[in-house]
Amino acid sequence: MLLASAVSLGTAIAPVLAEGSAVIELAQSRPQGGGERPPRAAMQACSGKSAADACEFTLDDEQVTGTCRSPDAKRPLACVSGHADHSQG
């Protein structure tokens, strides 16, 4: 009887645990500081470049200069303006 109760409890909890892990995975997949992707032009400006290389691109008829950066090794480099706000919280 105890084993049957444990199996029932495990069956009831499994979907909740799976849903919780999906939420954690989604939260970890978003970059910090707003969660928005950089503009395509910012990523193209760093194509073939290394982190900390100088870069520039045009956004809304405005020339943006900066350096190539990435929040982690899994994400592509993007040109980040020296004037961008990088404060957390």
PDB file of N, CA and C in Angstrom:
ATOM      1  N   MET A   1       0.827  -1.189   0.000  1.00  0.00           N
ATOM      2  CA  MET A   1       0.000   0.000   0.000  1.00  0.00           C
ATOM      3  C   MET A   1       0.872   1.253   0.000  1.00  0.00           C
ATOM      4  N   LEU A   2       1.936   1.243   0.791  1.00  0.00           N
ATOM      5  CA  LEU A   2       2.835   2.392   0.867  1.00  0.00           C
ATOM      6  C   LEU A   2       3.502   2.634  -0.482  1.00  0.00           C
ATOM      7  N   LEU A   3       3.904   1.572  -1.156  1.00  0.00           N
ATOM      8  CA  LEU A   3       4.531   1.697  -2.468  1.00  0.00           C
ATOM      9  C   LEU A   3       3.556   2.297  -3.481  1.00  0.00           C
ATOM     10  N   ALA A   4       2.312   1.879  -3.458  1.00  0.00           N
ATOM     11  CA  ALA A   4       1.305   2.416  -4.375  1.00  0.00           C
ATOM     12  C   ALA A   4       1.094   3.904  -4.127  1.00  0.00           C
ATOM     13  N   SER A   5       1.104   4.322  -2.866  1.00  0.00           N
ATOM     14  CA  SER A   5       0.947   5.744  -2.537  1.00  0.00           C
ATOM     15  C   SER A   5       2.130   6.541  -3.044  1.00  0.00           C
ATOM     16  N   ALA A   6       3.325   5.998  -2.908  1.00  0.00           N
ATOM     17  CA  ALA A   6       4.528   6.690  -3.369  1.00  0.00           C
ATOM     18  C   ALA A   6       4.516   6.838  -4.884  1.00  0.00           C
ATOM     19  N   VAL A   7       4.076   5.805  -5.584  1.00  0.00           N
ATOM     20  CA  VAL A   7       4.001   5.868  -7.043  1.00  0.00           C
ATOM     21  C   VAL A   7       2.977   6.912  -7.464  1.00  0.00           C
ATOM     22  N   SER A   8       1.818   6.939  -6.799  1.00  0.00           N
ATOM     23  CA  SER A   8       0.786   7.932  -7.118  1.00  0.00           C
ATOM     24  C   SER A   8       1.299   9.341  -6.869  1.00  0.00           C
ATOM     25  N   LEU A   9       1.986   9.536  -5.766  1.00  0.00           N
ATOM     26  CA  LEU A   9       2.544  10.844  -5.439  1.00  0.00           C
ATOM     27  C   LEU A   9       3.581  11.246  -6.479  1.00  0.00           C
ATOM     28  N   GLY A  10       4.433  10.307  -6.875  1.00  0.00           N
ATOM     29  CA  GLY A  10       5.441  10.595  -7.895  1.00  0.00           C
ATOM     30  C   GLY A  10       4.807  10.966  -9.222  1.00  0.00           C
ATOM     31  N   THR A  11       3.734  10.291  -9.579  1.00  0.00           N
ATOM     32  CA  THR A  11       3.028  10.592 -10.821  1.00  0.00           C
ATOM     33  C   THR A  11       2.391  11.974 -10.759  1.00  0.00           C
ATOM     34  N   ALA A  12       1.905  12.364  -9.589  1.00  0.00           N
ATOM     35  CA  ALA A  12       1.273  13.676  -9.435  1.00  0.00           C
ATOM     36  C   ALA A  12       2.303  14.802  -9.433  1.00  0.00           C
ATOM     37  N   ILE A  13       3.475  14.556  -8.887  1.00  0.00           N
ATOM     38  CA  ILE A  13       4.502  15.597  -8.766  1.00  0.00           C
ATOM     39  C   ILE A  13       5.296  15.764 -10.056  1.00  0.00           C
ATOM     40  N   ALA A  14       5.480  14.722 -10.830  1.00  0.00           N
ATOM     41  CA  ALA A  14       6.326  14.781 -12.024  1.00  0.00           C
ATOM     42  C   ALA A  14       5.958  15.922 -12.970  1.00  0.00           C
ATOM     43  N   PRO A  15       4.676  16.133 -13.312  1.00  0.00           N
ATOM     44  CA  PRO A  15       4.364  17.252 -14.218  1.00  0.00           C
ATOM     45  C   PRO A  15       4.708  18.613 -13.620  1.00  0.00           C
ATOM     46  N   VAL A  16       4.536  18.759 -12.308  1.00  0.00           N
ATOM     47  CA  VAL A  16       4.862  20.021 -11.641  1.00  0.00           C
ATOM     48  C   VAL A  16       6.361  20.268 -11.706  1.00  0.00           C
ATOM     49  N   LEU A  17       7.153  19.242 -11.444  1.00  0.00           N
ATOM     50  CA  LEU A  17       8.605  19.384 -11.509  1.00  0.00           C
ATOM     51  C   LEU A  17       9.056  19.696 -12.926  1.00  0.00           C
ATOM     52  N   ALA A  18       8.463  19.042 -13.905  1.00  0.00           N
ATOM     53  CA  ALA A  18       8.833  19.297 -15.300  1.00  0.00           C
ATOM     54  C   ALA A  18       8.501  20.732 -15.686  1.00  0.00           C
ATOM     55  N   GLU A  19       7.341  21.216 -15.252  1.00  0.00           N
ATOM     56  CA  GLU A  19       6.953  22.597 -15.557  1.00  0.00           C
ATOM     57  C   GLU A  19       7.907  23.577 -14.885  1.00  0.00           C
ATOM     58  N   GLY A  20       8.279  23.305 -13.643  1.00  0.00           N
ATOM     59  CA  GLY A  20       9.213  24.173 -12.928  1.00  0.00           C
ATOM     60  C   GLY A  20      10.567  24.233 -13.601  1.00  0.00           C
ATOM     61  N   SER A  21      11.062  23.108 -14.087  1.00  0.00           N
ATOM     62  CA  SER A  21      12.364  23.110 -14.752  1.00  0.00           C
ATOM     63  C   SER A  21      12.299  23.853 -16.077  1.00  0.00           C
ATOM     64  N   ALA A  22      11.153  23.814 -16.751  1.00  0.00           N
ATOM     65  CA  ALA A  22      11.004  24.563 -18.003  1.00  0.00           C
ATOM     66  C   ALA A  22      11.054  26.060 -17.742  1.00  0.00           C
ATOM     67  N   VAL A  23      10.457  26.503 -16.636  1.00  0.00           N
ATOM     68  CA  VAL A  23      10.488  27.924 -16.280  1.00  0.00           C
ATOM     69  C   VAL A  23      11.908  28.351 -15.954  1.00  0.00           C
ATOM     70  N   ILE A  24      12.635  27.536 -15.207  1.00  0.00           N
ATOM     71  CA  ILE A  24      14.025  27.856 -14.872  1.00  0.00           C
ATOM     72  C   ILE A  24      14.867  27.912 -16.133  1.00  0.00           C
ATOM     73  N   GLU A  25      14.679  26.956 -17.030  1.00  0.00           N
ATOM     74  CA  GLU A  25      15.433  26.931 -18.284  1.00  0.00           C
ATOM     75  C   GLU A  25      15.148  28.178 -19.112  1.00  0.00           C
ATOM     76  N   LEU A  26      13.889  28.597 -19.181  1.00  0.00           N
ATOM     77  CA  LEU A  26      13.518  29.791 -19.930  1.00  0.00           C
ATOM     78  C   LEU A  26      14.160  31.025 -19.310  1.00  0.00           C
ATOM     79  N   ALA A  27      14.132  31.135 -17.995  1.00  0.00           N
ATOM     80  CA  ALA A  27      14.727  32.288 -17.324  1.00  0.00           C
ATOM     81  C   ALA A  27      16.222  32.344 -17.562  1.00  0.00           C
ATOM     82  N   GLN A  28      16.886  31.200 -17.567  1.00  0.00           N
ATOM     83  CA  GLN A  28      18.325  31.179 -17.779  1.00  0.00           C
ATOM     84  C   GLN A  28      18.690  31.451 -19.230  1.00  0.00           C
ATOM     85  N   SER A  29      17.777  31.213 -20.157  1.00  0.00           N
ATOM     86  CA  SER A  29      18.090  31.417 -21.566  1.00  0.00           C
ATOM     87  C   SER A  29      17.998  32.877 -21.974  1.00  0.00           C
ATOM     88  N   ARG A  30      17.387  33.711 -21.149  1.00  0.00           N
ATOM     89  CA  ARG A  30      17.254  35.131 -21.464  1.00  0.00           C
ATOM     90  C   ARG A  30      18.432  35.904 -20.905  1.00  0.00           C
ATOM     91  N   PRO A  31      18.986  36.805 -21.693  1.00  0.00           N
ATOM     92  CA  PRO A  31      20.088  37.606 -21.184  1.00  0.00           C
ATOM     93  C   PRO A  31      19.629  38.544 -20.091  1.00  0.00           C
ATOM     94  N   GLN A  32      20.523  38.847 -19.163  1.00  0.00           N
ATOM     95  CA  GLN A  32      20.190  39.778 -18.099  1.00  0.00           C
ATOM     96  C   GLN A  32      20.145  41.191 -18.649  1.00  0.00           C
ATOM     97  N   GLY A  33      19.502  42.069 -17.912  1.00  0.00           N
ATOM     98  CA  GLY A  33      19.461  43.460 -18.306  1.00  0.00           C
ATOM     99  C   GLY A  33      18.372  43.755 -19.317  1.00  0.00           C
ATOM    100  N   GLY A  34      17.234  43.116 -19.205  1.00  0.00           N
ATOM    101  CA  GLY A  34      16.122  43.448 -20.075  1.00  0.00           C
ATOM    102  C   GLY A  34      15.654  42.284 -20.916  1.00  0.00           C
ATOM    103  N   GLY A  35      16.551  41.365 -21.238  1.00  0.00           N
ATOM    104  CA  GLY A  35      16.160  40.183 -21.975  1.00  0.00           C
ATOM    105  C   GLY A  35      15.914  40.391 -23.447  1.00  0.00           C
ATOM    106  N   GLU A  36      16.204  41.549 -23.987  1.00  0.00           N
ATOM    107  CA  GLU A  36      15.987  41.798 -25.399  1.00  0.00           C
ATOM    108  C   GLU A  36      17.200  41.384 -26.208  1.00  0.00           C
ATOM    109  N   ARG A  37      16.938  40.912 -27.410  1.00  0.00           N
ATOM    110  CA  ARG A  37      18.032  40.570 -28.329  1.00  0.00           C
ATOM    111  C   ARG A  37      18.585  41.852 -28.919  1.00  0.00           C
ATOM    112  N   PRO A  38      19.877  41.869 -29.191  1.00  0.00           N
ATOM    113  CA  PRO A  38      20.437  43.046 -29.858  1.00  0.00           C
ATOM    114  C   PRO A  38      19.916  43.134 -31.289  1.00  0.00           C
ATOM    115  N   PRO A  39      19.926  44.322 -31.865  1.00  0.00           N
ATOM    116  CA  PRO A  39      19.498  44.448 -33.257  1.00  0.00           C
ATOM    117  C   PRO A  39      20.378  43.595 -34.171  1.00  0.00           C
ATOM    118  N   ARG A  40      19.797  43.114 -35.252  1.00  0.00           N
ATOM    119  CA  ARG A  40      20.543  42.286 -36.206  1.00  0.00           C
ATOM    120  C   ARG A  40      21.796  43.011 -36.693  1.00  0.00           C
ATOM    121  N   ALA A  41      21.683  44.323 -36.932  1.00  0.00           N
ATOM    122  CA  ALA A  41      22.833  45.102 -37.406  1.00  0.00           C
ATOM    123  C   ALA A  41      23.972  45.080 -36.391  1.00  0.00           C
ATOM    124  N   ALA A  42      23.639  45.041 -35.096  1.00  0.00           N
ATOM    125  CA  ALA A  42      24.664  44.998 -34.051  1.00  0.00           C
ATOM    126  C   ALA A  42      25.407  43.665 -34.080  1.00  0.00           C
ATOM    127  N   MET A  43      24.683  42.581 -34.350  1.00  0.00           N
ATOM    128  CA  MET A  43      25.334  41.272 -34.435  1.00  0.00           C
ATOM    129  C   MET A  43      26.144  41.158 -35.723  1.00  0.00           C
ATOM    130  N   GLN A  44      25.614  41.679 -36.818  1.00  0.00           N
ATOM    131  CA  GLN A  44      26.340  41.631 -38.088  1.00  0.00           C
ATOM    132  C   GLN A  44      27.623  42.453 -38.021  1.00  0.00           C
ATOM    133  N   ALA A  45      27.619  43.526 -37.231  1.00  0.00           N
ATOM    134  CA  ALA A  45      28.802  44.378 -37.111  1.00  0.00           C
ATOM    135  C   ALA A  45      29.968  43.633 -36.473  1.00  0.00           C
ATOM    136  N   CYS A  46      29.675  42.567 -35.729  1.00  0.00           N
ATOM    137  CA  CYS A  46      30.731  41.800 -35.062  1.00  0.00           C
ATOM    138  C   CYS A  46      31.013  40.466 -35.745  1.00  0.00           C
ATOM    139  N   SER A  47      30.373  40.220 -36.863  1.00  0.00           N
ATOM    140  CA  SER A  47      30.615  38.989 -37.601  1.00  0.00           C
ATOM    141  C   SER A  47      32.083  38.932 -38.018  1.00  0.00           C
ATOM    142  N   GLY A  48      32.762  37.859 -37.660  1.00  0.00           N
ATOM    143  CA  GLY A  48      34.173  37.692 -38.003  1.00  0.00           C
ATOM    144  C   GLY A  48      35.120  38.437 -37.077  1.00  0.00           C
ATOM    145  N   LYS A  49      34.588  39.036 -36.016  1.00  0.00           N
ATOM    146  CA  LYS A  49      35.433  39.775 -35.073  1.00  0.00           C
ATOM    147  C   LYS A  49      35.534  39.012 -33.762  1.00  0.00           C
ATOM    148  N   SER A  50      36.411  39.492 -32.900  1.00  0.00           N
ATOM    149  CA  SER A  50      36.600  38.901 -31.577  1.00  0.00           C
ATOM    150  C   SER A  50      36.034  39.828 -30.510  1.00  0.00           C
ATOM    151  N   ALA A  51      35.818  39.280 -29.322  1.00  0.00           N
ATOM    152  CA  ALA A  51      35.349  40.091 -28.200  1.00  0.00           C
ATOM    153  C   ALA A  51      36.316  41.240 -27.962  1.00  0.00           C
ATOM    154  N   ALA A  52      35.784  42.406 -27.689  1.00  0.00           N
ATOM    155  CA  ALA A  52      36.514  43.650 -27.404  1.00  0.00           C
ATOM    156  C   ALA A  52      37.013  44.358 -28.662  1.00  0.00           C
ATOM    157  N   ASP A  53      36.781  43.789 -29.861  1.00  0.00           N
ATOM    158  CA  ASP A  53      37.130  44.491 -31.103  1.00  0.00           C
ATOM    159  C   ASP A  53      36.203  45.693 -31.277  1.00  0.00           C
ATOM    160  N   ALA A  54      36.719  46.747 -31.882  1.00  0.00           N
ATOM    161  CA  ALA A  54      35.902  47.918 -32.196  1.00  0.00           C
ATOM    162  C   ALA A  54      34.894  47.552 -33.280  1.00  0.00           C
ATOM    163  N   CYS A  55      33.726  48.181 -33.230  1.00  0.00           N
ATOM    164  CA  CYS A  55      32.685  47.908 -34.216  1.00  0.00           C
ATOM    165  C   CYS A  55      31.819  49.145 -34.402  1.00  0.00           C
ATOM    166  N   GLU A  56      31.058  49.124 -35.483  1.00  0.00           N
ATOM    167  CA  GLU A  56      30.099  50.203 -35.727  1.00  0.00           C
ATOM    168  C   GLU A  56      28.995  49.694 -36.632  1.00  0.00           C
ATOM    169  N   PHE A  57      27.822  50.301 -36.484  1.00  0.00           N
ATOM    170  CA  PHE A  57      26.681  49.967 -37.328  1.00  0.00           C
ATOM    171  C   PHE A  57      25.713  51.139 -37.320  1.00  0.00           C
ATOM    172  N   THR A  58      24.752  51.099 -38.218  1.00  0.00           N
ATOM    173  CA  THR A  58      23.747  52.154 -38.309  1.00  0.00           C
ATOM    174  C   THR A  58      22.416  51.622 -37.797  1.00  0.00           C
ATOM    175  N   LEU A  59      21.785  52.401 -36.923  1.00  0.00           N
ATOM    176  CA  LEU A  59      20.491  52.031 -36.360  1.00  0.00           C
ATOM    177  C   LEU A  59      19.597  53.262 -36.389  1.00  0.00           C
ATOM    178  N   ASP A  60      18.489  53.172 -37.092  1.00  0.00           N
ATOM    179  CA  ASP A  60      17.561  54.306 -37.214  1.00  0.00           C
ATOM    180  C   ASP A  60      18.273  55.566 -37.689  1.00  0.00           C
ATOM    181  N   ASP A  61      19.069  55.429 -38.728  1.00  0.00           N
ATOM    182  CA  ASP A  61      19.819  56.546 -39.334  1.00  0.00           C
ATOM    183  C   ASP A  61      20.841  57.176 -38.390  1.00  0.00           C
ATOM    184  N   GLU A  62      21.216  56.470 -37.345  1.00  0.00           N
ATOM    185  CA  GLU A  62      22.228  56.964 -36.401  1.00  0.00           C
ATOM    186  C   GLU A  62      23.409  56.007 -36.389  1.00  0.00           C
ATOM    187  N   GLN A  63      24.612  56.547 -36.494  1.00  0.00           N
ATOM    188  CA  GLN A  63      25.823  55.730 -36.466  1.00  0.00           C
ATOM    189  C   GLN A  63      26.148  55.364 -35.015  1.00  0.00           C
ATOM    190  N   VAL A  64      26.290  54.081 -34.744  1.00  0.00           N
ATOM    191  CA  VAL A  64      26.612  53.590 -33.405  1.00  0.00           C
ATOM    192  C   VAL A  64      28.008  52.999 -33.449  1.00  0.00           C
ATOM    193  N   THR A  65      28.871  53.414 -32.531  1.00  0.00           N
ATOM    194  CA  THR A  65      30.206  52.823 -32.407  1.00  0.00           C
ATOM    195  C   THR A  65      30.316  52.185 -31.031  1.00  0.00           C
ATOM    196  N   GLY A  66      31.072  51.116 -30.955  1.00  0.00           N
ATOM    197  CA  GLY A  66      31.215  50.425 -29.683  1.00  0.00           C
ATOM    198  C   GLY A  66      32.236  49.318 -29.772  1.00  0.00           C
ATOM    199  N   THR A  67      32.046  48.296 -28.942  1.00  0.00           N
ATOM    200  CA  THR A  67      32.922  47.131 -28.932  1.00  0.00           C
ATOM    201  C   THR A  67      32.065  45.870 -29.002  1.00  0.00           C
ATOM    202  N   CYS A  68      32.656  44.824 -29.540  1.00  0.00           N
ATOM    203  CA  CYS A  68      31.962  43.543 -29.647  1.00  0.00           C
ATOM    204  C   CYS A  68      31.956  42.866 -28.279  1.00  0.00           C
ATOM    205  N   ARG A  69      30.770  42.472 -27.838  1.00  0.00           N
ATOM    206  CA  ARG A  69      30.617  41.817 -26.532  1.00  0.00           C
ATOM    207  C   ARG A  69      29.561  40.731 -26.622  1.00  0.00           C
ATOM    208  N   SER A  70      29.605  39.846 -25.635  1.00  0.00           N
ATOM    209  CA  SER A  70      28.605  38.795 -25.509  1.00  0.00           C
ATOM    210  C   SER A  70      28.423  38.501 -24.026  1.00  0.00           C
ATOM    211  N   PRO A  71      27.187  38.239 -23.577  1.00  0.00           N
ATOM    212  CA  PRO A  71      26.988  37.939 -22.159  1.00  0.00           C
ATOM    213  C   PRO A  71      27.612  36.611 -21.737  1.00  0.00           C
ATOM    214  N   ASP A  72      27.783  35.691 -22.681  1.00  0.00           N
ATOM    215  CA  ASP A  72      28.444  34.418 -22.379  1.00  0.00           C
ATOM    216  C   ASP A  72      28.881  33.758 -23.685  1.00  0.00           C
ATOM    217  N   ALA A  73      29.640  32.695 -23.560  1.00  0.00           N
ATOM    218  CA  ALA A  73      30.226  32.034 -24.734  1.00  0.00           C
ATOM    219  C   ALA A  73      29.182  31.386 -25.646  1.00  0.00           C
ATOM    220  N   LYS A  74      27.969  31.168 -25.157  1.00  0.00           N
ATOM    221  CA  LYS A  74      26.931  30.520 -25.961  1.00  0.00           C
ATOM    222  C   LYS A  74      26.200  31.493 -26.878  1.00  0.00           C
ATOM    223  N   ARG A  75      26.386  32.766 -26.669  1.00  0.00           N
ATOM    224  CA  ARG A  75      25.665  33.776 -27.451  1.00  0.00           C
ATOM    225  C   ARG A  75      26.615  34.467 -28.422  1.00  0.00           C
ATOM    226  N   PRO A  76      26.105  34.871 -29.575  1.00  0.00           N
ATOM    227  CA  PRO A  76      26.972  35.547 -30.547  1.00  0.00           C
ATOM    228  C   PRO A  76      27.375  36.935 -30.061  1.00  0.00           C
ATOM    229  N   LEU A  77      28.492  37.408 -30.593  1.00  0.00           N
ATOM    230  CA  LEU A  77      28.935  38.763 -30.279  1.00  0.00           C
ATOM    231  C   LEU A  77      27.976  39.770 -30.895  1.00  0.00           C
ATOM    232  N   ALA A  78      27.866  40.918 -30.241  1.00  0.00           N
ATOM    233  CA  ALA A  78      27.074  42.031 -30.768  1.00  0.00           C
ATOM    234  C   ALA A  78      27.805  43.315 -30.439  1.00  0.00           C
ATOM    235  N   CYS A  79      27.647  44.304 -31.291  1.00  0.00           N
ATOM    236  CA  CYS A  79      28.276  45.602 -31.093  1.00  0.00           C
ATOM    237  C   CYS A  79      27.499  46.352 -30.011  1.00  0.00           C
ATOM    238  N   VAL A  80      28.195  46.712 -28.939  1.00  0.00           N
ATOM    239  CA  VAL A  80      27.576  47.402 -27.813  1.00  0.00           C
ATOM    240  C   VAL A  80      28.179  48.789 -27.705  1.00  0.00           C
ATOM    241  N   SER A  81      27.332  49.795 -27.716  1.00  0.00           N
ATOM    242  CA  SER A  81      27.772  51.179 -27.622  1.00  0.00           C
ATOM    243  C   SER A  81      28.430  51.444 -26.278  1.00  0.00           C
ATOM    244  N   GLY A  82      29.430  52.293 -26.273  1.00  0.00           N
ATOM    245  CA  GLY A  82      30.057  52.708 -25.022  1.00  0.00           C
ATOM    246  C   GLY A  82      29.116  53.517 -24.162  1.00  0.00           C
ATOM    247  N   HIS A  83      28.000  53.981 -24.751  1.00  0.00           N
ATOM    248  CA  HIS A  83      27.028  54.785 -24.015  1.00  0.00           C
ATOM    249  C   HIS A  83      25.874  53.954 -23.479  1.00  0.00           C
ATOM    250  N   ALA A  84      25.892  52.653 -23.728  1.00  0.00           N
ATOM    251  CA  ALA A  84      24.793  51.795 -23.273  1.00  0.00           C
ATOM    252  C   ALA A  84      24.814  51.685 -21.765  1.00  0.00           C
ATOM    253  N   ASP A  85      23.642  51.584 -21.165  1.00  0.00           N
ATOM    254  CA  ASP A  85      23.515  51.452 -19.717  1.00  0.00           C
ATOM    255  C   ASP A  85      23.673  49.983 -19.351  1.00  0.00           C
ATOM    256  N   HIS A  86      24.710  49.669 -18.600  1.00  0.00           N
ATOM    257  CA  HIS A  86      24.984  48.278 -18.221  1.00  0.00           C
ATOM    258  C   HIS A  86      24.685  48.024 -16.755  1.00  0.00           C
ATOM    259  N   SER A  87      23.998  48.939 -16.080  1.00  0.00           N
ATOM    260  CA  SER A  87      23.727  48.768 -14.653  1.00  0.00           C
ATOM    261  C   SER A  87      22.747  47.626 -14.447  1.00  0.00           C
ATOM    262  N   GLN A  88      22.909  46.925 -13.373  1.00  0.00           N
ATOM    263  CA  GLN A  88      22.036  45.814 -13.013  1.00  0.00           C
ATOM    264  C   GLN A  88      21.224  46.213 -11.797  1.00  0.00           C
ATOM    265  N   GLY A  89      19.927  46.358 -11.951  1.00  0.00           N
ATOM    266  CA  GLY A  89      19.030  46.588 -10.835  1.00  0.00           C
ATOM    267  C   GLY A  89      19.033  47.983 -10.424  1.00  0.00           C
TER     268      GLY A  89
END
